[in-house]
Amino acid sequence: MPIQKFRSVEEMNAAPIRVVAAGNAFERFARHCGRFRLIYPRTYPRGVFRFRSFEEAQAARERHNVGLADHSIFPNAD
């Protein structure tokens, strides 16, 4: 998609609106998802886990979330 530059808001409003073909939208979305998976791979464990109590499940979730803290998309977004 080319970049358009405008000198004023009026010039921007007068520009024609680009419409992407409906058939191409899903394919573009699928390619974007594929790129995202390569850039930011899954870090959570796969599978089904059984816990004896709710507290044990929460502890496992907390252990996992602590591991995710240093693997952020926006590391300086405080």
N, C-alpha and C. Protein backbone atom coordinates (compact mmCIF):
# COMPACT_ATOMS: atom_id res chain seq x y z
N MET A 1 0.85 -1.16 0.00
CA MET A 1 0.00 0.00 0.00
C MET A 1 0.90 1.24 0.00
N PRO A 2 0.77 2.10 -0.99
CA PRO A 2 1.63 3.28 -1.06
C PRO A 2 1.25 4.32 0.00
N ILE A 3 2.23 5.11 0.37
CA ILE A 3 2.02 6.18 1.34
C ILE A 3 1.61 7.44 0.61
N GLN A 4 0.60 8.12 1.13
CA GLN A 4 0.16 9.38 0.55
C GLN A 4 0.49 10.50 1.52
N LYS A 5 0.97 11.63 0.99
CA LYS A 5 1.29 12.80 1.80
C LYS A 5 0.36 13.93 1.42
N PHE A 6 -0.10 14.66 2.40
CA PHE A 6 -1.02 15.77 2.17
C PHE A 6 -0.49 17.02 2.84
N ARG A 7 -0.75 18.16 2.23
CA ARG A 7 -0.32 19.44 2.79
C ARG A 7 -1.37 20.05 3.71
N SER A 8 -2.63 19.63 3.56
CA SER A 8 -3.70 20.18 4.40
C SER A 8 -4.78 19.12 4.60
N VAL A 9 -5.67 19.41 5.54
CA VAL A 9 -6.77 18.51 5.82
C VAL A 9 -7.74 18.47 4.64
N GLU A 10 -7.93 19.62 4.00
CA GLU A 10 -8.83 19.67 2.85
C GLU A 10 -8.32 18.78 1.71
N GLU A 11 -7.03 18.82 1.48
CA GLU A 11 -6.43 17.98 0.45
C GLU A 11 -6.59 16.50 0.80
N MET A 12 -6.47 16.19 2.09
CA MET A 12 -6.64 14.82 2.54
C MET A 12 -8.08 14.36 2.34
N ASN A 13 -9.04 15.22 2.68
CA ASN A 13 -10.45 14.85 2.53
C ASN A 13 -10.86 14.70 1.07
N ALA A 14 -10.19 15.42 0.17
CA ALA A 14 -10.53 15.36 -1.25
C ALA A 14 -9.95 14.11 -1.93
N ALA A 15 -9.02 13.45 -1.30
CA ALA A 15 -8.40 12.27 -1.90
C ALA A 15 -9.39 11.12 -1.96
N PRO A 16 -9.34 10.31 -3.00
CA PRO A 16 -10.26 9.17 -3.09
C PRO A 16 -9.94 8.12 -2.02
N ILE A 17 -10.98 7.47 -1.53
CA ILE A 17 -10.82 6.44 -0.51
C ILE A 17 -10.47 5.14 -1.20
N ARG A 18 -9.41 4.51 -0.71
CA ARG A 18 -8.98 3.23 -1.30
C ARG A 18 -9.80 2.11 -0.68
N VAL A 19 -10.33 1.25 -1.52
CA VAL A 19 -11.10 0.11 -1.05
C VAL A 19 -10.35 -1.16 -1.46
N VAL A 20 -10.09 -2.00 -0.47
CA VAL A 20 -9.39 -3.26 -0.73
C VAL A 20 -10.42 -4.30 -1.14
N ALA A 21 -10.11 -5.08 -2.13
CA ALA A 21 -11.04 -6.11 -2.60
C ALA A 21 -11.36 -7.08 -1.47
N ALA A 22 -12.62 -7.45 -1.35
CA ALA A 22 -13.07 -8.31 -0.26
C ALA A 22 -12.40 -9.68 -0.28
N GLY A 23 -12.13 -10.22 -1.43
CA GLY A 23 -11.52 -11.54 -1.53
C GLY A 23 -10.09 -11.57 -1.02
N ASN A 24 -9.41 -10.45 -1.05
CA ASN A 24 -8.01 -10.38 -0.67
C ASN A 24 -7.84 -10.14 0.83
N ALA A 25 -8.86 -9.65 1.52
CA ALA A 25 -8.73 -9.26 2.92
C ALA A 25 -8.36 -10.44 3.81
N PHE A 26 -9.03 -11.56 3.66
CA PHE A 26 -8.74 -12.70 4.52
C PHE A 26 -7.34 -13.24 4.28
N GLU A 27 -6.92 -13.27 3.02
CA GLU A 27 -5.58 -13.75 2.71
C GLU A 27 -4.52 -12.85 3.34
N ARG A 28 -4.74 -11.54 3.29
CA ARG A 28 -3.81 -10.61 3.93
C ARG A 28 -3.79 -10.84 5.43
N PHE A 29 -4.97 -11.05 6.03
CA PHE A 29 -5.05 -11.31 7.47
C PHE A 29 -4.30 -12.59 7.83
N ALA A 30 -4.47 -13.64 7.03
CA ALA A 30 -3.79 -14.91 7.29
C ALA A 30 -2.27 -14.75 7.20
N ARG A 31 -1.79 -14.00 6.21
CA ARG A 31 -0.34 -13.75 6.11
C ARG A 31 0.16 -12.97 7.32
N HIS A 32 -0.63 -11.99 7.76
CA HIS A 32 -0.25 -11.20 8.93
C HIS A 32 -0.15 -12.10 10.17
N CYS A 33 -1.11 -13.00 10.34
CA CYS A 33 -1.07 -13.92 11.49
C CYS A 33 0.16 -14.81 11.43
N GLY A 34 0.50 -15.28 10.24
CA GLY A 34 1.70 -16.10 10.09
C GLY A 34 2.96 -15.36 10.46
N ARG A 35 3.04 -14.10 10.04
CA ARG A 35 4.21 -13.28 10.41
C ARG A 35 4.25 -13.06 11.92
N PHE A 36 3.10 -12.80 12.52
CA PHE A 36 3.06 -12.56 13.96
C PHE A 36 3.53 -13.79 14.72
N ARG A 37 3.12 -14.97 14.28
CA ARG A 37 3.55 -16.20 14.96
C ARG A 37 5.05 -16.40 14.86
N LEU A 38 5.66 -15.96 13.76
CA LEU A 38 7.11 -16.08 13.62
C LEU A 38 7.83 -15.08 14.52
N ILE A 39 7.29 -13.86 14.61
CA ILE A 39 7.91 -12.81 15.42
C ILE A 39 7.72 -13.08 16.91
N TYR A 40 6.52 -13.48 17.29
CA TYR A 40 6.17 -13.64 18.69
C TYR A 40 5.62 -15.06 18.90
N PRO A 41 6.49 -16.06 19.01
CA PRO A 41 6.02 -17.44 19.10
C PRO A 41 5.30 -17.72 20.41
N ARG A 42 4.53 -18.79 20.41
CA ARG A 42 3.82 -19.21 21.61
C ARG A 42 4.79 -19.54 22.71
N THR A 43 4.48 -19.11 23.91
CA THR A 43 5.36 -19.42 25.02
C THR A 43 4.65 -20.22 26.10
N TYR A 44 3.35 -20.39 25.99
CA TYR A 44 2.65 -21.14 27.02
C TYR A 44 2.71 -22.63 26.71
N PRO A 45 2.67 -23.45 27.74
CA PRO A 45 2.75 -24.89 27.51
C PRO A 45 1.46 -25.39 26.86
N ARG A 46 1.61 -26.31 25.93
CA ARG A 46 0.45 -26.86 25.23
C ARG A 46 -0.07 -28.07 25.98
N GLY A 47 -1.32 -28.34 25.81
CA GLY A 47 -1.91 -29.53 26.40
C GLY A 47 -2.94 -29.20 27.45
N VAL A 48 -3.44 -30.24 28.08
CA VAL A 48 -4.46 -30.11 29.12
C VAL A 48 -3.81 -30.47 30.45
N PHE A 49 -4.06 -29.65 31.45
CA PHE A 49 -3.46 -29.87 32.76
C PHE A 49 -4.57 -30.07 33.79
N ARG A 50 -4.34 -30.99 34.70
CA ARG A 50 -5.31 -31.24 35.77
C ARG A 50 -4.67 -30.81 37.07
N PHE A 51 -5.46 -30.15 37.90
CA PHE A 51 -4.99 -29.68 39.19
C PHE A 51 -5.92 -30.21 40.28
N ARG A 52 -5.36 -30.42 41.45
CA ARG A 52 -6.15 -30.94 42.56
C ARG A 52 -7.00 -29.86 43.22
N SER A 53 -6.56 -28.60 43.09
CA SER A 53 -7.33 -27.52 43.71
C SER A 53 -7.23 -26.27 42.85
N PHE A 54 -8.12 -25.34 43.14
CA PHE A 54 -8.11 -24.06 42.44
C PHE A 54 -6.82 -23.29 42.75
N GLU A 55 -6.35 -23.39 43.99
CA GLU A 55 -5.12 -22.69 44.39
C GLU A 55 -3.91 -23.22 43.61
N GLU A 56 -3.87 -24.53 43.39
CA GLU A 56 -2.77 -25.12 42.63
C GLU A 56 -2.79 -24.62 41.18
N ALA A 57 -3.99 -24.50 40.60
CA ALA A 57 -4.11 -23.98 39.23
C ALA A 57 -3.68 -22.52 39.16
N GLN A 58 -4.07 -21.73 40.14
CA GLN A 58 -3.68 -20.32 40.17
C GLN A 58 -2.17 -20.18 40.33
N ALA A 59 -1.55 -21.03 41.14
CA ALA A 59 -0.10 -20.98 41.32
C ALA A 59 0.61 -21.31 40.00
N ALA A 60 0.09 -22.29 39.27
CA ALA A 60 0.69 -22.63 37.97
C ALA A 60 0.55 -21.46 37.00
N ARG A 61 -0.60 -20.80 37.02
CA ARG A 61 -0.80 -19.64 36.15
C ARG A 61 0.16 -18.52 36.51
N GLU A 62 0.36 -18.28 37.79
CA GLU A 62 1.29 -17.23 38.23
C GLU A 62 2.72 -17.55 37.81
N ARG A 63 3.13 -18.81 37.94
CA ARG A 63 4.48 -19.20 37.51
C ARG A 63 4.66 -18.94 36.02
N HIS A 64 3.64 -19.23 35.25
CA HIS A 64 3.70 -19.00 33.81
C HIS A 64 3.75 -17.50 33.49
N ASN A 65 2.93 -16.70 34.17
CA ASN A 65 2.88 -15.26 33.91
C ASN A 65 4.19 -14.57 34.28
N VAL A 66 4.88 -15.04 35.29
CA VAL A 66 6.17 -14.47 35.66
C VAL A 66 7.17 -14.70 34.54
N GLY A 67 7.12 -15.85 33.90
CA GLY A 67 8.00 -16.14 32.78
C GLY A 67 7.71 -15.29 31.57
N LEU A 68 6.46 -14.82 31.41
CA LEU A 68 6.10 -13.99 30.27
C LEU A 68 6.48 -12.53 30.46
N ALA A 69 6.74 -12.11 31.67
CA ALA A 69 6.98 -10.70 31.94
C ALA A 69 8.15 -10.13 31.15
N ASP A 70 9.18 -10.90 30.90
CA ASP A 70 10.35 -10.37 30.19
C ASP A 70 10.25 -10.58 28.68
N HIS A 71 9.15 -11.17 28.19
CA HIS A 71 8.99 -11.43 26.75
C HIS A 71 7.80 -10.62 26.23
N SER A 72 7.95 -9.31 26.28
CA SER A 72 6.86 -8.43 25.90
C SER A 72 7.07 -7.88 24.50
N ILE A 73 5.97 -7.58 23.79
CA ILE A 73 6.06 -6.96 22.47
C ILE A 73 6.57 -5.53 22.60
N PHE A 74 6.08 -4.83 23.62
CA PHE A 74 6.46 -3.44 23.85
C PHE A 74 7.21 -3.36 25.19
N PRO A 75 8.51 -3.60 25.21
CA PRO A 75 9.23 -3.67 26.48
C PRO A 75 9.28 -2.35 27.24
N ASN A 76 9.20 -1.21 26.56
CA ASN A 76 9.30 0.08 27.25
C ASN A 76 7.96 0.79 27.33
N ALA A 77 6.87 0.08 27.35
CA ALA A 77 5.54 0.69 27.34
C ALA A 77 5.00 0.88 28.75
N ASP A 78 5.80 1.36 29.66
CA ASP A 78 5.34 1.57 31.05
C ASP A 78 4.55 2.84 31.18
